[in-house]
Amino acid sequence: MAEEISDGITAARDVAFIVFPGFQILDLSGPLSAFEIAGDVSAQGAYRCTVVSPTGGEVVSSAGLSVFTQKLQRKPLDTLIVVGGAVSAHPDTLGPVADQLAMASVNGSRRIASVCTGAFILASAGLLDGRRATTHWKHASHLRHQFPKVKVEGDRIFIKDGPIWTSAGVTAGIDLALAMIEEDLGSSVSHATAQMMVVYHRRPGGQSQFSALADMEPASDRIRDVLTYIREHLTEPLSTEQLAAIACLSPRQFGRTFLTETGETPAKAVERLRVEVARQRVESGGEPIEIIASSVGFSDPERMRRAFIRVIGHPPQTIRRMAGQDALAHRVEEQVCAESA
C-alpha cells in the first residue's frame, strides 16, 4: 500500500490485476498501461503492478495469448482489479478468486475494482451487495438477474461506490484507471497519462456506454418488435403506453420485461436510439443541428443537446468539431504519405 517515506515522496502503490483462463487481454493491458505510464509521468514510481491468478503460473487469455502470473495471496494490497473475460466458462477457477477478494476486503485493501464481466466475480464475493455497479452493457441484464442485491446501472462507463469500483468492458478499463490515477496523483498526472496513451481525458463515469442499441437482439419477439417499431418511428412521441401496446403487454409488465432484456428503461432506449441516429448525421456533415433534432424526434435542439451529454458526454457541436478534426488529421496524413511516396 502507499506510504510516506523520509524525503516526502509517496512510495509505490501495489496494484494487482487478477486474471483467469479466458480473460480478455485488453481488460488487462489497457488499465495496466495507464498505471505504468502514470508512474513514468509522475516521476515518482507511483505504482507497482503485478498480474496474479489463484494458482500462479501461465494463464491463457481468450485471444490465445498467455501471461505469467504470481499466485494470489491473501494479503491487503492498495488496489485489486479483476479483469473480464469468459467468466461463466471457468466456475472452478473463479470461486477461489471470489473467496480471496472477500478476504482482501476484510484485510483492508484500499479499493477493489472490476473491468467488464469481472463484476460477476465481485458480486459472487458479496462485494456488490447493496452497491451501485456496472458492467458491459451486453451483460448488464444477466448481472441484474443473477445478483438481485446489486444495483446494476448497465449504461455507465464506470461507477465508484465507496471502495468498490466497476467499469464497462474493454476500453472502459482505461477510463477506470485514469479516474483512479486522478484520485491518487491529481488531474495533471491523469491528463498527461491520457495524452501519452492518445485517449480522451477522460470520459466521465456517468457517461453512457453508447451501447449500439440499434444492433441489440433481445430474447423475445415482443421486445424485438418494439425496438424495430422505435427505429421506424423515431419522430413520434413513443410513450411507454404506446410501446406496451405494440408488445401486447400492460405498461408495468412491459417496463419490467424491456429492462430485463435490454438493460434499459423504454424511455432511455428511445433517447439512446435517437442520439445514435443523430450522432451519425452530426458527424457526417454540415446539416443544421436544428434540422437533425427535429428529424430524429427531439422537440427542440436543447433537448437533443442534453440527451447527447447524457449519452455521449459531449454536446452535438463538440461531436461535430471532433469529427472535423479527425477528418482533417486523416487528410493531412494521406497528403504526407503521398508526398513521401
Foldseek 3Di string as FASTA:
>chain_A
DWDADDVRAIDAFEEEEEEAAAFDVLLPPQLVLLLVQLCVLVVRNHHDYFYEFQVFQWHAHNVRDIDGHDHDDLAAGQEYEYEHGDPVVCVVRLVVVLCSVLSNVVRDHQAYEYAAVSVVSVVVNVNQQCHEWEHAQQCQLVSCVVRVRHNYQHFWQKDDDHRYIYGYHRNSSNLVSLVVSCVVPNLVSSVVSCVVVVHDSHQDRQATPLNPPLPDDFDDPLLVQLSVVLLVPQQDPDDLCVSCVSSVHHSVVSQVRNCSRRVDGSVLSSLSSLLVVLLVVLQPDDDDLQVSCNVRHHPGSVVQQVSCCSHPVGGSVVSNVVSVVVVVVVVVVVVVVVVVD
